[in-house]
Amino acid sequence: MEIQVDDLQDAGVIELLQAHLADMYATSPPESVHALDIDALAHPSITFWCAKLQGEVLGCVAIKQLNETHGEIKSMRTSAAARNQGVATELLLHLLNEAKRRGYQQLSLETGSMDFFAPARRLYQRHGFEYCGPFADYQADPNSLFMTRFID
């Protein structure tokens, strides 16, 4: 599996992100969906990576720079065909290494509070993320949970 910065043009990446947004809107009220569309992911403050194996899109993840020492995980997604194969773990480890390389001291995320998001929350907890309050421009929301990890 290769994880590389992606330009958001690949049909497989677009399909994966569309499925991601569809799931977010199917499981959360619209005002509680913080997933980004393709145009928003192309913002200069965001770096987007795609995981592929022999040209097949397995997953994606992005990091948004909040400031010089704090990043936010965005658009973490594994394709249905690649679930439970370690793709999400590899993407998260890649992101943690990138955060450290950039000199970030903290990496945070917002995720849903519903059961649908429980596997993601367990993944983040296994990798040292702890629950916290809202960060950046987020507000308290019963449909959102916030997690953070300090980078050593």
N, C-alpha and C. Protein backbone atom coordinates (compact mmCIF):
# COMPACT_ATOMS: atom_id res chain seq x y z
N MET A 1 0.85 -1.18 0.00
CA MET A 1 0.00 0.00 0.00
C MET A 1 0.89 1.24 0.00
N GLU A 2 0.53 2.19 -0.84
CA GLU A 2 1.24 3.46 -0.90
C GLU A 2 0.30 4.57 -0.43
N ILE A 3 0.85 5.47 0.39
CA ILE A 3 0.11 6.63 0.86
C ILE A 3 0.82 7.85 0.29
N GLN A 4 0.10 8.61 -0.53
CA GLN A 4 0.70 9.77 -1.18
C GLN A 4 -0.26 10.95 -1.16
N VAL A 5 0.32 12.16 -1.21
CA VAL A 5 -0.49 13.36 -1.34
C VAL A 5 -1.27 13.22 -2.64
N ASP A 6 -2.53 13.61 -2.59
CA ASP A 6 -3.43 13.43 -3.73
C ASP A 6 -4.02 14.77 -4.14
N ASP A 7 -4.30 14.93 -5.43
CA ASP A 7 -4.84 16.18 -5.96
C ASP A 7 -6.36 16.21 -6.07
N LEU A 8 -7.03 15.20 -5.54
CA LEU A 8 -8.50 15.14 -5.51
C LEU A 8 -9.13 15.08 -6.90
N GLN A 9 -8.41 14.49 -7.86
CA GLN A 9 -8.91 14.38 -9.23
C GLN A 9 -9.27 12.94 -9.61
N ASP A 10 -8.72 11.97 -8.91
CA ASP A 10 -8.93 10.56 -9.23
C ASP A 10 -10.40 10.17 -9.01
N ALA A 11 -10.98 9.45 -9.96
CA ALA A 11 -12.39 9.04 -9.85
C ALA A 11 -12.64 8.20 -8.60
N GLY A 12 -11.69 7.34 -8.25
CA GLY A 12 -11.84 6.51 -7.06
C GLY A 12 -11.84 7.34 -5.78
N VAL A 13 -11.03 8.37 -5.74
CA VAL A 13 -10.98 9.27 -4.59
C VAL A 13 -12.29 10.04 -4.49
N ILE A 14 -12.77 10.55 -5.61
CA ILE A 14 -14.02 11.29 -5.62
C ILE A 14 -15.17 10.40 -5.15
N GLU A 15 -15.20 9.17 -5.62
CA GLU A 15 -16.25 8.23 -5.21
C GLU A 15 -16.18 7.95 -3.70
N LEU A 16 -14.97 7.77 -3.19
CA LEU A 16 -14.79 7.52 -1.75
C LEU A 16 -15.27 8.72 -0.93
N LEU A 17 -14.94 9.92 -1.36
CA LEU A 17 -15.36 11.12 -0.63
C LEU A 17 -16.86 11.34 -0.73
N GLN A 18 -17.45 11.01 -1.86
CA GLN A 18 -18.91 11.12 -1.99
C GLN A 18 -19.61 10.14 -1.05
N ALA A 19 -19.08 8.92 -0.94
CA ALA A 19 -19.64 7.93 -0.02
C ALA A 19 -19.50 8.41 1.43
N HIS A 20 -18.35 9.03 1.72
CA HIS A 20 -18.11 9.56 3.06
C HIS A 20 -19.17 10.62 3.40
N LEU A 21 -19.36 11.57 2.52
CA LEU A 21 -20.35 12.62 2.77
C LEU A 21 -21.76 12.04 2.88
N ALA A 22 -22.09 11.08 2.04
CA ALA A 22 -23.42 10.45 2.10
C ALA A 22 -23.64 9.80 3.45
N ASP A 23 -22.64 9.09 3.97
CA ASP A 23 -22.76 8.47 5.29
C ASP A 23 -22.90 9.52 6.39
N MET A 24 -22.15 10.61 6.28
CA MET A 24 -22.22 11.64 7.31
C MET A 24 -23.63 12.24 7.37
N TYR A 25 -24.21 12.52 6.21
CA TYR A 25 -25.55 13.10 6.18
C TYR A 25 -26.63 12.08 6.54
N ALA A 26 -26.34 10.80 6.35
CA ALA A 26 -27.31 9.75 6.71
C ALA A 26 -27.32 9.48 8.21
N THR A 27 -26.21 9.80 8.91
CA THR A 27 -26.10 9.47 10.33
C THR A 27 -26.14 10.68 11.26
N SER A 28 -26.04 11.88 10.71
CA SER A 28 -25.99 13.09 11.54
C SER A 28 -26.94 14.14 11.00
N PRO A 29 -27.50 14.98 11.87
CA PRO A 29 -28.30 16.10 11.38
C PRO A 29 -27.41 17.02 10.53
N PRO A 30 -27.95 17.66 9.51
CA PRO A 30 -27.13 18.49 8.61
C PRO A 30 -26.26 19.52 9.33
N GLU A 31 -26.81 20.14 10.39
CA GLU A 31 -26.04 21.17 11.10
C GLU A 31 -24.87 20.58 11.90
N SER A 32 -24.84 19.26 12.05
CA SER A 32 -23.77 18.61 12.80
C SER A 32 -22.76 17.89 11.90
N VAL A 33 -22.91 18.02 10.59
CA VAL A 33 -21.97 17.40 9.65
C VAL A 33 -20.83 18.38 9.40
N HIS A 34 -19.61 17.96 9.76
CA HIS A 34 -18.44 18.81 9.57
C HIS A 34 -17.48 18.25 8.53
N ALA A 35 -17.92 17.22 7.80
CA ALA A 35 -17.11 16.65 6.73
C ALA A 35 -17.02 17.66 5.59
N LEU A 36 -15.87 17.67 4.93
CA LEU A 36 -15.62 18.63 3.87
C LEU A 36 -15.86 18.01 2.49
N ASP A 37 -16.37 18.83 1.58
CA ASP A 37 -16.50 18.36 0.21
C ASP A 37 -15.17 18.56 -0.52
N ILE A 38 -15.12 18.15 -1.77
CA ILE A 38 -13.86 18.19 -2.52
C ILE A 38 -13.32 19.60 -2.63
N ASP A 39 -14.18 20.57 -2.91
CA ASP A 39 -13.71 21.95 -3.02
C ASP A 39 -13.09 22.44 -1.71
N ALA A 40 -13.71 22.12 -0.58
CA ALA A 40 -13.17 22.55 0.72
C ALA A 40 -11.86 21.84 1.02
N LEU A 41 -11.74 20.57 0.62
CA LEU A 41 -10.49 19.83 0.86
C LEU A 41 -9.33 20.37 0.04
N ALA A 42 -9.62 21.12 -1.01
CA ALA A 42 -8.56 21.69 -1.86
C ALA A 42 -8.00 22.99 -1.28
N HIS A 43 -8.50 23.43 -0.12
CA HIS A 43 -8.02 24.67 0.50
C HIS A 43 -6.53 24.55 0.82
N PRO A 44 -5.77 25.63 0.68
CA PRO A 44 -4.32 25.59 0.95
C PRO A 44 -3.93 25.16 2.37
N SER A 45 -4.83 25.31 3.34
CA SER A 45 -4.51 24.91 4.72
C SER A 45 -4.65 23.40 4.93
N ILE A 46 -5.07 22.69 3.90
CA ILE A 46 -5.34 21.25 4.01
C ILE A 46 -4.43 20.46 3.08
N THR A 47 -3.89 19.38 3.61
CA THR A 47 -3.14 18.41 2.81
C THR A 47 -3.93 17.11 2.83
N PHE A 48 -4.15 16.53 1.67
CA PHE A 48 -4.98 15.34 1.50
C PHE A 48 -4.12 14.19 0.98
N TRP A 49 -4.25 13.03 1.64
CA TRP A 49 -3.52 11.82 1.21
C TRP A 49 -4.50 10.73 0.83
N CYS A 50 -4.06 9.90 -0.10
CA CYS A 50 -4.84 8.74 -0.52
C CYS A 50 -3.97 7.50 -0.37
N ALA A 51 -4.58 6.43 0.10
CA ALA A 51 -3.90 5.13 0.18
C ALA A 51 -4.38 4.27 -0.98
N LYS A 52 -3.43 3.74 -1.75
CA LYS A 52 -3.78 2.90 -2.89
C LYS A 52 -2.93 1.64 -2.89
N LEU A 53 -3.51 0.61 -3.46
CA LEU A 53 -2.79 -0.64 -3.70
C LEU A 53 -3.07 -1.04 -5.14
N GLN A 54 -2.03 -1.07 -5.94
CA GLN A 54 -2.15 -1.41 -7.37
C GLN A 54 -3.23 -0.57 -8.04
N GLY A 55 -3.26 0.72 -7.74
CA GLY A 55 -4.19 1.64 -8.36
C GLY A 55 -5.57 1.71 -7.73
N GLU A 56 -5.88 0.79 -6.81
CA GLU A 56 -7.18 0.78 -6.16
C GLU A 56 -7.14 1.68 -4.92
N VAL A 57 -8.13 2.57 -4.81
CA VAL A 57 -8.22 3.48 -3.67
C VAL A 57 -8.72 2.70 -2.46
N LEU A 58 -7.90 2.68 -1.40
CA LEU A 58 -8.25 1.97 -0.18
C LEU A 58 -8.76 2.89 0.92
N GLY A 59 -8.29 4.12 0.92
CA GLY A 59 -8.68 5.05 1.97
C GLY A 59 -8.08 6.42 1.76
N CYS A 60 -8.46 7.34 2.64
CA CYS A 60 -7.94 8.69 2.55
C CYS A 60 -7.94 9.34 3.94
N VAL A 61 -7.20 10.41 4.03
CA VAL A 61 -7.15 11.21 5.25
C VAL A 61 -6.59 12.58 4.88
N ALA A 62 -6.95 13.58 5.65
CA ALA A 62 -6.44 14.92 5.43
C ALA A 62 -6.07 15.54 6.76
N ILE A 63 -5.20 16.53 6.68
CA ILE A 63 -4.85 17.30 7.87
C ILE A 63 -5.04 18.78 7.53
N LYS A 64 -5.70 19.47 8.42
CA LYS A 64 -5.91 20.91 8.29
C LYS A 64 -5.02 21.60 9.31
N GLN A 65 -4.21 22.53 8.85
CA GLN A 65 -3.37 23.28 9.77
C GLN A 65 -4.21 24.35 10.44
N LEU A 66 -4.36 24.24 11.75
CA LEU A 66 -5.09 25.24 12.52
C LEU A 66 -4.19 26.42 12.88
N ASN A 67 -2.96 26.10 13.24
CA ASN A 67 -1.91 27.11 13.46
C ASN A 67 -0.57 26.39 13.36
N GLU A 68 0.51 27.02 13.72
CA GLU A 68 1.83 26.42 13.53
C GLU A 68 2.06 25.16 14.36
N THR A 69 1.29 24.98 15.43
CA THR A 69 1.54 23.83 16.32
C THR A 69 0.35 22.90 16.48
N HIS A 70 -0.75 23.16 15.76
CA HIS A 70 -1.97 22.39 15.98
C HIS A 70 -2.60 22.04 14.62
N GLY A 71 -2.84 20.75 14.42
CA GLY A 71 -3.50 20.28 13.21
C GLY A 71 -4.79 19.55 13.54
N GLU A 72 -5.66 19.46 12.54
CA GLU A 72 -6.94 18.76 12.69
C GLU A 72 -7.04 17.66 11.65
N ILE A 73 -7.44 16.48 12.08
CA ILE A 73 -7.69 15.37 11.17
C ILE A 73 -9.04 15.59 10.49
N LYS A 74 -9.06 15.47 9.16
CA LYS A 74 -10.28 15.61 8.38
C LYS A 74 -10.38 14.44 7.41
N SER A 75 -11.59 14.08 7.05
CA SER A 75 -11.89 13.14 5.96
C SER A 75 -11.18 11.80 6.05
N MET A 76 -11.12 11.25 7.25
CA MET A 76 -10.56 9.90 7.43
C MET A 76 -11.62 8.90 6.95
N ARG A 77 -11.25 8.08 5.98
CA ARG A 77 -12.22 7.13 5.41
C ARG A 77 -11.48 5.94 4.81
N THR A 78 -12.03 4.76 5.03
CA THR A 78 -11.55 3.53 4.40
C THR A 78 -12.66 3.02 3.49
N SER A 79 -12.29 2.54 2.30
CA SER A 79 -13.30 2.01 1.40
C SER A 79 -13.94 0.77 2.02
N ALA A 80 -15.17 0.49 1.62
CA ALA A 80 -15.89 -0.68 2.17
C ALA A 80 -15.11 -1.96 1.92
N ALA A 81 -14.48 -2.08 0.76
CA ALA A 81 -13.75 -3.30 0.41
C ALA A 81 -12.47 -3.47 1.23
N ALA A 82 -11.96 -2.39 1.79
CA ALA A 82 -10.67 -2.44 2.50
C ALA A 82 -10.81 -2.38 4.02
N ARG A 83 -12.04 -2.40 4.54
CA ARG A 83 -12.22 -2.29 5.98
C ARG A 83 -11.66 -3.52 6.71
N ASN A 84 -11.21 -3.28 7.94
CA ASN A 84 -10.66 -4.32 8.81
C ASN A 84 -9.40 -4.97 8.24
N GLN A 85 -8.65 -4.19 7.45
CA GLN A 85 -7.39 -4.68 6.89
C GLN A 85 -6.20 -3.82 7.30
N GLY A 86 -6.41 -2.92 8.26
CA GLY A 86 -5.32 -2.10 8.76
C GLY A 86 -5.09 -0.80 8.00
N VAL A 87 -5.93 -0.49 7.03
CA VAL A 87 -5.75 0.72 6.24
C VAL A 87 -5.88 1.96 7.12
N ALA A 88 -6.92 2.04 7.94
CA ALA A 88 -7.12 3.21 8.79
C ALA A 88 -5.95 3.40 9.75
N THR A 89 -5.45 2.30 10.29
CA THR A 89 -4.29 2.40 11.19
C THR A 89 -3.09 2.97 10.46
N GLU A 90 -2.82 2.49 9.25
CA GLU A 90 -1.68 2.99 8.48
C GLU A 90 -1.85 4.47 8.13
N LEU A 91 -3.06 4.86 7.76
CA LEU A 91 -3.31 6.26 7.46
C LEU A 91 -3.11 7.14 8.70
N LEU A 92 -3.59 6.68 9.85
CA LEU A 92 -3.45 7.45 11.08
C LEU A 92 -1.98 7.54 11.49
N LEU A 93 -1.23 6.46 11.38
CA LEU A 93 0.20 6.50 11.70
C LEU A 93 0.94 7.44 10.76
N HIS A 94 0.57 7.41 9.49
CA HIS A 94 1.17 8.33 8.52
C HIS A 94 0.91 9.78 8.94
N LEU A 95 -0.32 10.06 9.35
CA LEU A 95 -0.68 11.41 9.75
C LEU A 95 0.05 11.84 11.02
N LEU A 96 0.18 10.93 11.97
CA LEU A 96 0.92 11.25 13.20
C LEU A 96 2.38 11.57 12.89
N ASN A 97 2.98 10.80 11.99
CA ASN A 97 4.37 11.07 11.59
C ASN A 97 4.48 12.42 10.88
N GLU A 98 3.51 12.71 10.03
CA GLU A 98 3.52 14.00 9.33
C GLU A 98 3.34 15.15 10.31
N ALA A 99 2.47 15.00 11.27
CA ALA A 99 2.27 16.04 12.28
C ALA A 99 3.57 16.30 13.04
N LYS A 100 4.25 15.24 13.40
CA LYS A 100 5.52 15.38 14.11
C LYS A 100 6.56 16.06 13.22
N ARG A 101 6.61 15.65 11.94
CA ARG A 101 7.55 16.24 11.00
C ARG A 101 7.30 17.74 10.84
N ARG A 102 6.05 18.14 10.87
CA ARG A 102 5.69 19.55 10.73
C ARG A 102 5.93 20.35 12.00
N GLY A 103 6.22 19.68 13.08
CA GLY A 103 6.44 20.38 14.34
C GLY A 103 5.17 20.66 15.12
N TYR A 104 4.08 19.99 14.75
CA TYR A 104 2.84 20.16 15.51
C TYR A 104 3.03 19.60 16.91
N GLN A 105 2.42 20.23 17.87
CA GLN A 105 2.42 19.75 19.24
C GLN A 105 1.12 19.04 19.59
N GLN A 106 0.11 19.23 18.73
CA GLN A 106 -1.21 18.68 19.02
C GLN A 106 -1.94 18.37 17.71
N LEU A 107 -2.68 17.26 17.75
CA LEU A 107 -3.51 16.85 16.63
C LEU A 107 -4.90 16.56 17.19
N SER A 108 -5.93 17.18 16.62
CA SER A 108 -7.29 17.05 17.15
C SER A 108 -8.25 16.62 16.06
N LEU A 109 -9.46 16.24 16.46
CA LEU A 109 -10.47 15.83 15.50
C LEU A 109 -11.86 15.98 16.10
N GLU A 110 -12.83 16.06 15.20
CA GLU A 110 -14.25 16.02 15.56
C GLU A 110 -14.81 14.77 14.92
N THR A 111 -15.64 14.04 15.65
CA THR A 111 -16.31 12.87 15.12
C THR A 111 -17.72 12.80 15.70
N GLY A 112 -18.53 11.94 15.14
CA GLY A 112 -19.89 11.83 15.61
C GLY A 112 -20.00 11.09 16.93
N SER A 113 -21.08 11.37 17.65
CA SER A 113 -21.33 10.71 18.94
C SER A 113 -22.15 9.44 18.78
N MET A 114 -22.67 9.18 17.59
CA MET A 114 -23.53 8.03 17.35
C MET A 114 -22.73 6.73 17.27
N ASP A 115 -23.43 5.60 17.42
CA ASP A 115 -22.78 4.28 17.37
C ASP A 115 -22.03 4.05 16.06
N PHE A 116 -22.52 4.63 14.97
CA PHE A 116 -21.87 4.49 13.67
C PHE A 116 -20.38 4.86 13.74
N PHE A 117 -20.04 5.82 14.60
CA PHE A 117 -18.68 6.34 14.69
C PHE A 117 -17.83 5.62 15.75
N ALA A 118 -18.40 4.66 16.46
CA ALA A 118 -17.67 3.97 17.54
C ALA A 118 -16.38 3.32 17.06
N PRO A 119 -16.34 2.64 15.91
CA PRO A 119 -15.07 2.05 15.47
C PRO A 119 -13.98 3.10 15.27
N ALA A 120 -14.34 4.25 14.73
CA ALA A 120 -13.35 5.32 14.55
C ALA A 120 -12.85 5.82 15.89
N ARG A 121 -13.76 6.01 16.82
CA ARG A 121 -13.35 6.50 18.15
C ARG A 121 -12.41 5.50 18.82
N ARG A 122 -12.69 4.20 18.68
CA ARG A 122 -11.80 3.18 19.26
C ARG A 122 -10.42 3.24 18.61
N LEU A 123 -10.36 3.43 17.31
CA LEU A 123 -9.07 3.55 16.61
C LEU A 123 -8.28 4.72 17.18
N TYR A 124 -8.91 5.87 17.30
CA TYR A 124 -8.21 7.04 17.81
C TYR A 124 -7.75 6.82 19.25
N GLN A 125 -8.60 6.21 20.08
CA GLN A 125 -8.20 5.94 21.47
C GLN A 125 -7.01 5.00 21.53
N ARG A 126 -6.98 3.99 20.69
CA ARG A 126 -5.84 3.05 20.66
C ARG A 126 -4.54 3.76 20.34
N HIS A 127 -4.64 4.90 19.68
CA HIS A 127 -3.44 5.63 19.28
C HIS A 127 -3.23 6.90 20.09
N GLY A 128 -3.76 6.90 21.31
CA GLY A 128 -3.43 7.95 22.27
C GLY A 128 -4.31 9.18 22.26
N PHE A 129 -5.37 9.19 21.49
CA PHE A 129 -6.28 10.33 21.50
C PHE A 129 -7.20 10.23 22.71
N GLU A 130 -7.47 11.38 23.30
CA GLU A 130 -8.36 11.46 24.45
C GLU A 130 -9.47 12.46 24.15
N TYR A 131 -10.60 12.26 24.81
CA TYR A 131 -11.72 13.18 24.61
C TYR A 131 -11.38 14.55 25.20
N CYS A 132 -11.88 15.57 24.53
CA CYS A 132 -11.63 16.95 24.96
C CYS A 132 -12.85 17.78 24.60
N GLY A 133 -12.80 19.04 24.90
CA GLY A 133 -13.88 19.94 24.53
C GLY A 133 -13.70 20.43 23.11
N PRO A 134 -14.66 21.22 22.63
CA PRO A 134 -14.55 21.77 21.28
C PRO A 134 -13.27 22.60 21.12
N PHE A 135 -12.72 22.56 19.94
CA PHE A 135 -11.50 23.31 19.62
C PHE A 135 -11.75 24.12 18.36
N ALA A 136 -10.81 24.99 18.03
CA ALA A 136 -10.91 25.85 16.83
C ALA A 136 -12.28 26.55 16.84
N ASP A 137 -13.03 26.43 15.75
CA ASP A 137 -14.32 27.13 15.63
C ASP A 137 -15.51 26.25 16.00
N TYR A 138 -15.27 25.04 16.50
CA TYR A 138 -16.37 24.15 16.86
C TYR A 138 -17.10 24.66 18.10
N GLN A 139 -18.38 24.30 18.18
CA GLN A 139 -19.21 24.58 19.34
C GLN A 139 -19.66 23.25 19.94
N ALA A 140 -20.00 23.26 21.21
CA ALA A 140 -20.54 22.05 21.84
C ALA A 140 -21.78 21.61 21.06
N ASP A 141 -21.90 20.31 20.83
CA ASP A 141 -22.98 19.75 20.03
C ASP A 141 -23.20 18.31 20.51
N PRO A 142 -24.41 17.92 20.89
CA PRO A 142 -24.62 16.55 21.36
C PRO A 142 -24.33 15.49 20.30
N ASN A 143 -24.25 15.89 19.04
CA ASN A 143 -23.95 14.95 17.96
C ASN A 143 -22.47 14.86 17.63
N SER A 144 -21.65 15.64 18.32
CA SER A 144 -20.21 15.66 18.07
C SER A 144 -19.42 15.31 19.32
N LEU A 145 -18.34 14.62 19.11
CA LEU A 145 -17.33 14.38 20.14
C LEU A 145 -16.00 14.89 19.61
N PHE A 146 -15.18 15.37 20.52
CA PHE A 146 -13.90 15.94 20.14
C PHE A 146 -12.79 15.14 20.84
N MET A 147 -11.70 14.93 20.10
CA MET A 147 -10.58 14.17 20.64
C MET A 147 -9.30 14.89 20.26
N THR A 148 -8.28 14.70 21.09
CA THR A 148 -6.99 15.33 20.80
C THR A 148 -5.87 14.42 21.30
N ARG A 149 -4.71 14.66 20.74
CA ARG A 149 -3.50 13.95 21.17
C ARG A 149 -2.35 14.94 21.07
N PHE A 150 -1.53 14.93 22.11
CA PHE A 150 -0.33 15.74 22.08
C PHE A 150 0.77 14.93 21.41
N ILE A 151 1.57 15.59 20.59
CA ILE A 151 2.62 14.95 19.81
C ILE A 151 3.93 15.06 20.58
N ASP A 152 4.58 13.93 20.77
CA ASP A 152 5.88 13.98 21.48
C ASP A 152 7.04 13.84 20.54
